[in-house]
Protein backbone atom coordinates (compact mmCIF):
# COMPACT_ATOMS: atom_id res chain seq x y z
CA MET A 1 0.38 0.19 -0.09
CA LYS A 2 2.34 2.52 -1.28
CA TYR A 3 1.91 6.44 -0.89
CA ASN A 4 -0.43 7.48 -4.11
CA PRO A 5 -0.70 11.42 -4.05
CA ASP A 6 -3.53 10.81 -6.69
CA LEU A 7 -5.27 8.91 -4.16
CA HIS A 8 -4.35 10.54 -0.30
CA HIS A 9 -3.26 14.35 -1.28
CA ARG A 10 -1.54 14.20 2.00
CA HIS A 11 0.31 17.26 1.37
CA SER A 12 -3.32 18.87 2.28
CA ILE A 13 -5.31 17.32 5.01
CA ARG A 14 -8.39 19.46 4.50
CA LEU A 15 -8.96 21.56 1.30
CA ARG A 16 -9.27 25.29 2.73
CA GLY A 17 -12.79 26.64 2.62
CA TYR A 18 -14.39 23.45 1.66
CA ASP A 19 -18.00 22.53 2.99
CA TYR A 20 -17.26 18.87 4.00
CA ALA A 21 -21.00 18.70 4.39
CA ASN A 22 -21.18 19.01 0.47
CA THR A 23 -23.07 16.52 -1.07
CA GLY A 24 -20.62 14.12 -2.58
CA ALA A 25 -18.39 11.19 -2.25
CA TYR A 26 -14.95 11.00 -0.78
CA PHE A 27 -12.25 8.90 -0.24
CA VAL A 28 -11.12 8.55 3.64
CA THR A 29 -8.02 6.60 5.25
CA VAL A 30 -8.39 6.23 8.76
CA CYS A 31 -5.02 5.16 10.77
CA LEU A 32 -4.23 3.55 14.11
CA ASN A 33 -1.79 5.93 16.17
CA ARG A 34 0.46 3.20 16.15
CA ARG A 35 1.33 1.64 12.68
CA ILE A 36 3.31 -1.44 11.23
CA ARG A 37 6.02 -0.66 8.99
CA ILE A 38 8.65 -2.88 7.46
CA ALA A 39 12.26 -2.12 7.48
CA GLN A 40 15.37 -4.77 6.23
CA GLY A 41 12.84 -7.35 6.48
CA GLN A 42 11.66 -6.58 9.86
CA PRO A 43 8.01 -5.05 11.26
CA HIS A 44 8.64 -1.76 13.82
CA VAL A 45 6.62 0.51 14.95
CA ALA A 46 6.47 3.74 12.57
CA GLN A 47 9.26 6.40 13.08
CA GLY A 48 8.42 8.92 15.88
CA GLN A 49 6.12 6.88 17.79
CA THR A 50 6.58 5.29 21.21
CA HIS A 51 8.04 1.62 20.88
CA ARG A 52 7.84 -0.28 24.38
CA SER A 53 9.41 -3.83 22.74
CA ALA A 54 10.26 -4.91 19.29
CA PRO A 55 7.41 -7.16 17.57
CA THR A 56 8.35 -10.69 16.48
CA ASP A 57 9.50 -10.87 13.17
CA MET A 58 7.91 -11.96 10.23
CA ASN A 59 10.41 -14.52 8.76
CA THR A 60 9.49 -17.51 10.97
CA GLY A 61 6.24 -18.21 9.10
CA THR A 62 4.02 -17.55 12.01
CA LYS A 63 1.66 -14.62 12.22
CA PRO A 64 3.03 -11.72 13.34
CA LYS A 65 2.40 -10.40 16.91
CA PHE A 66 2.60 -6.95 18.12
CA ASP A 67 2.37 -5.20 21.34
CA PHE A 68 -0.01 -2.46 20.20
CA PRO A 69 -3.44 -2.92 18.84
CA THR A 70 -4.29 -4.07 15.19
CA PHE A 71 -7.32 -5.37 13.72
CA GLY A 72 -5.83 -8.44 12.12
CA VAL A 73 -3.74 -9.96 9.50
CA VAL A 74 -3.96 -10.75 5.80
CA GLU A 75 -3.57 -14.20 4.58
CA ASN A 76 -3.68 -14.89 0.91
CA GLY A 77 -4.56 -11.70 -0.27
CA VAL A 78 -7.44 -11.49 2.38
CA MET A 79 -7.85 -9.49 5.33
CA VAL A 80 -8.91 -11.65 8.20
CA LEU A 81 -10.28 -9.77 11.28
CA ASN A 82 -9.51 -10.48 14.77
CA ASP A 83 -12.04 -9.38 17.61
CA SER A 84 -10.97 -5.67 17.44
CA GLY A 85 -11.14 -5.55 13.58
CA LYS A 86 -14.91 -6.98 13.95
CA MET A 87 -15.76 -4.59 16.49
CA VAL A 88 -14.40 -1.49 14.12
CA GLU A 89 -16.69 -3.32 11.17
CA LYS A 90 -20.08 -3.53 13.93
CA TYR A 91 -19.38 0.43 13.92
CA ILE A 92 -18.72 0.82 10.09
CA LEU A 93 -21.83 -0.87 9.37
CA GLU A 94 -23.90 1.03 11.83
CA ILE A 95 -23.13 4.00 9.49
CA VAL A 96 -24.24 1.97 6.61
CA ASN A 97 -27.37 0.38 8.36
CA ASN A 98 -28.79 3.56 10.44
CA THR A 99 -31.04 5.76 8.67
CA ASP A 100 -31.72 7.39 11.52
CA LYS A 101 -28.87 8.58 12.93
CA PHE A 102 -27.08 8.71 9.57
CA PHE A 103 -29.72 9.55 7.37
CA ASN A 104 -28.07 10.99 4.37
CA VAL A 105 -24.93 9.08 4.29
CA LYS A 106 -23.35 6.16 2.53
CA ILE A 107 -20.56 3.85 2.83
CA ASN A 108 -19.92 1.96 -0.69
CA GLU A 109 -16.46 0.46 -0.20
CA TYR A 110 -14.54 -0.15 2.73
CA VAL A 111 -11.87 -2.40 3.78
CA ILE A 112 -10.27 -2.83 7.57
CA MET A 113 -6.55 -3.47 7.49
CA PRO A 114 -4.26 -4.46 9.86
CA ASP A 115 -3.62 -0.47 11.07
CA HIS A 116 -5.84 1.43 9.17
CA ILE A 117 -9.10 2.23 7.40
CA HIS A 118 -10.11 2.95 3.98
CA ALA A 119 -13.79 3.78 3.04
CA ILE A 120 -15.46 5.83 -0.08
CA ILE A 121 -18.45 7.97 2.33
CA LYS A 122 -20.96 9.45 0.25
CA ILE A 123 -23.03 12.32 1.44
CA ASN A 124 -26.54 12.48 -0.49
CA GLU A 125 -28.84 15.58 -0.16
CA PRO A 126 -31.10 14.79 2.81
CA SER A 127 -34.61 14.38 2.11
CA ILE A 128 -36.96 17.48 2.88
CA THR A 129 -40.17 15.72 3.66
CA ASN A 130 -39.65 13.60 6.40
CA PRO A 131 -36.94 13.81 9.09
CA PRO A 132 -35.36 10.83 10.43
CA VAL A 133 -37.34 9.03 13.13
CA GLY A 134 -35.77 8.33 16.72
CA ALA A 135 -32.67 10.41 15.94
CA ASP A 136 -30.27 10.77 18.94
CA LEU A 137 -29.91 14.63 19.02
CA ARG A 138 -27.60 13.75 21.60
CA VAL A 139 -25.01 12.33 19.16
CA CYS A 140 -26.41 14.42 16.13
CA PRO A 141 -26.68 17.80 17.09
CA TYR A 142 -26.58 18.59 13.43
CA LEU A 143 -30.64 17.53 13.40
CA SER A 144 -31.68 19.89 16.46
CA ARG A 145 -32.32 22.82 13.76
CA ILE A 146 -35.48 21.84 11.91
CA ALA A 147 -37.80 24.10 10.56
CA PRO A 148 -41.44 23.91 11.64
CA VAL A 149 -42.76 23.25 8.52
CA ASN A 150 -44.32 20.41 6.64
CA HIS A 151 -41.23 20.32 4.54
CA VAL A 152 -38.27 19.79 7.04
CA ALA A 153 -35.10 21.51 6.05
CA LEU A 154 -32.39 19.17 7.75
CA ASN A 155 -28.97 20.00 7.90
CA PRO A 156 -26.40 17.33 6.00
CA ILE A 157 -23.84 15.38 8.23
CA GLU A 158 -20.38 16.72 8.03
CA LEU A 159 -17.48 14.55 7.01
CA GLY A 160 -15.59 15.26 10.20
CA THR A 161 -18.34 14.36 12.50
CA ILE A 162 -18.88 10.62 10.62
CA ILE A 163 -15.13 10.07 11.43
CA GLN A 164 -15.27 11.59 15.00
CA TRP A 165 -18.31 9.41 15.65
CA LEU A 166 -16.44 6.36 14.31
CA LYS A 167 -13.25 7.06 16.51
CA THR A 168 -15.02 7.74 19.29
CA MET A 169 -17.45 4.60 19.42
CA THR A 170 -14.61 2.20 18.70
CA THR A 171 -11.97 3.72 21.05
CA ASN A 172 -14.60 3.62 23.84
CA GLU A 173 -15.51 -0.19 22.98
CA TYR A 174 -11.51 -1.00 22.25
CA THR A 175 -10.86 0.59 25.88
CA ASN A 176 -13.45 -1.89 27.29
CA GLY A 177 -12.05 -4.93 25.28
CA VAL A 178 -8.57 -4.13 27.14
CA LYS A 179 -10.02 -4.26 30.35
CA THR A 180 -12.52 -7.21 29.64
CA PHE A 181 -10.74 -9.24 26.71
CA LYS A 182 -7.18 -8.37 27.07
CA TRP A 183 -6.64 -6.71 24.22
CA LYS A 184 -3.54 -5.01 23.61
CA PRO A 185 -3.48 -1.59 25.07
CA PHE A 186 -2.83 1.52 23.19
CA HIS A 187 -0.62 4.26 24.03
CA LYS A 188 -2.10 7.58 24.53
CA LYS A 189 -4.97 7.33 21.86
CA LEU A 190 -6.06 4.59 19.74
CA TRP A 191 -6.23 6.66 16.39
CA GLN A 192 -4.35 9.44 14.90
CA ARG A 193 -5.45 12.60 15.43
CA ASN A 194 -6.47 13.29 12.02
CA TYR A 195 -7.20 11.30 8.98
CA TYR A 196 -6.77 11.66 5.16
CA GLU A 197 -9.31 12.45 2.69
CA SER A 198 -9.79 13.40 -1.04
CA ILE A 199 -12.78 14.47 -2.91
CA ILE A 200 -13.85 12.11 -5.65
CA HIS A 201 -14.46 14.56 -8.50
CA ASP A 202 -15.95 11.80 -11.34
CA GLU A 203 -17.29 8.15 -11.84
CA ALA A 204 -13.59 7.50 -13.37
CA GLY A 205 -12.08 8.42 -9.96
CA TYR A 206 -14.75 6.68 -8.49
CA ALA A 207 -13.74 3.56 -10.15
CA ARG A 208 -9.83 3.80 -9.58
CA ILE A 209 -10.18 4.17 -5.79
CA ALA A 210 -12.97 1.58 -5.35
CA GLU A 211 -10.63 -1.01 -7.03
CA TYR A 212 -7.63 0.03 -4.90
CA ILE A 213 -9.56 -0.27 -1.35
CA ARG A 214 -10.68 -3.52 -2.92
CA ASN A 215 -7.30 -4.68 -3.70
CA ASN A 216 -5.62 -3.16 -0.57
CA PRO A 217 -5.34 -6.68 0.97
CA ILE A 218 -3.70 -7.83 -1.60
CA SER A 219 -1.12 -4.95 -2.26
CA TRP A 220 -0.51 -5.37 1.63
CA GLU A 221 0.30 -8.68 1.65
CA LYS A 222 3.01 -8.09 -1.39
CA GLU A 223 4.35 -5.02 0.38
CA HIS A 224 4.78 -6.51 3.74
CA ARG A 225 6.42 -10.12 2.31
CA THR A 226 10.07 -10.85 3.65
């Protein structure tokens, strides 16, 4: 999964002056605070992050084990989620399926990798005829400003709100997993403070990024092979 400037746009994490509640599709990457890197055939923690003990190497034929959170392993080009990875997927699917809380949001493509998530998040034009039923305004403050007329004007969900909700819910449950199921503890925070996104401008760009997401486990396995 080499850095691709056409996909990641890491030189500018946010487009200045752009409204990320705008209708459209966005390619999003959310990374764990500690990430797996390969150097001279050995996995190690990314430069600049606290390193407590070296992970086992990947030359022994055994699955790599790390002293920090990961979401599973890639085997034969397929991502095999561990329990914490399945937990993260649960919350992604809640975004997909909860039409009350995320009434104008779709996730058409996603993949959970050992130390990051890729997804295409689509923000649709909200319906103005019927407000979402049973929405929790404590979690969805953007629904609190509803015009008192028959044709309701809804405020669309902003991209950053979606990502923050995902980070908060997964961090809380991961913390419980550390206490209850002895999951690997995280250092200071589970996720990196920010996230990477790029605006998908056309169908060709969408198809290219969707293919990139689907093939990410295969690419990961090739790049992490010793």
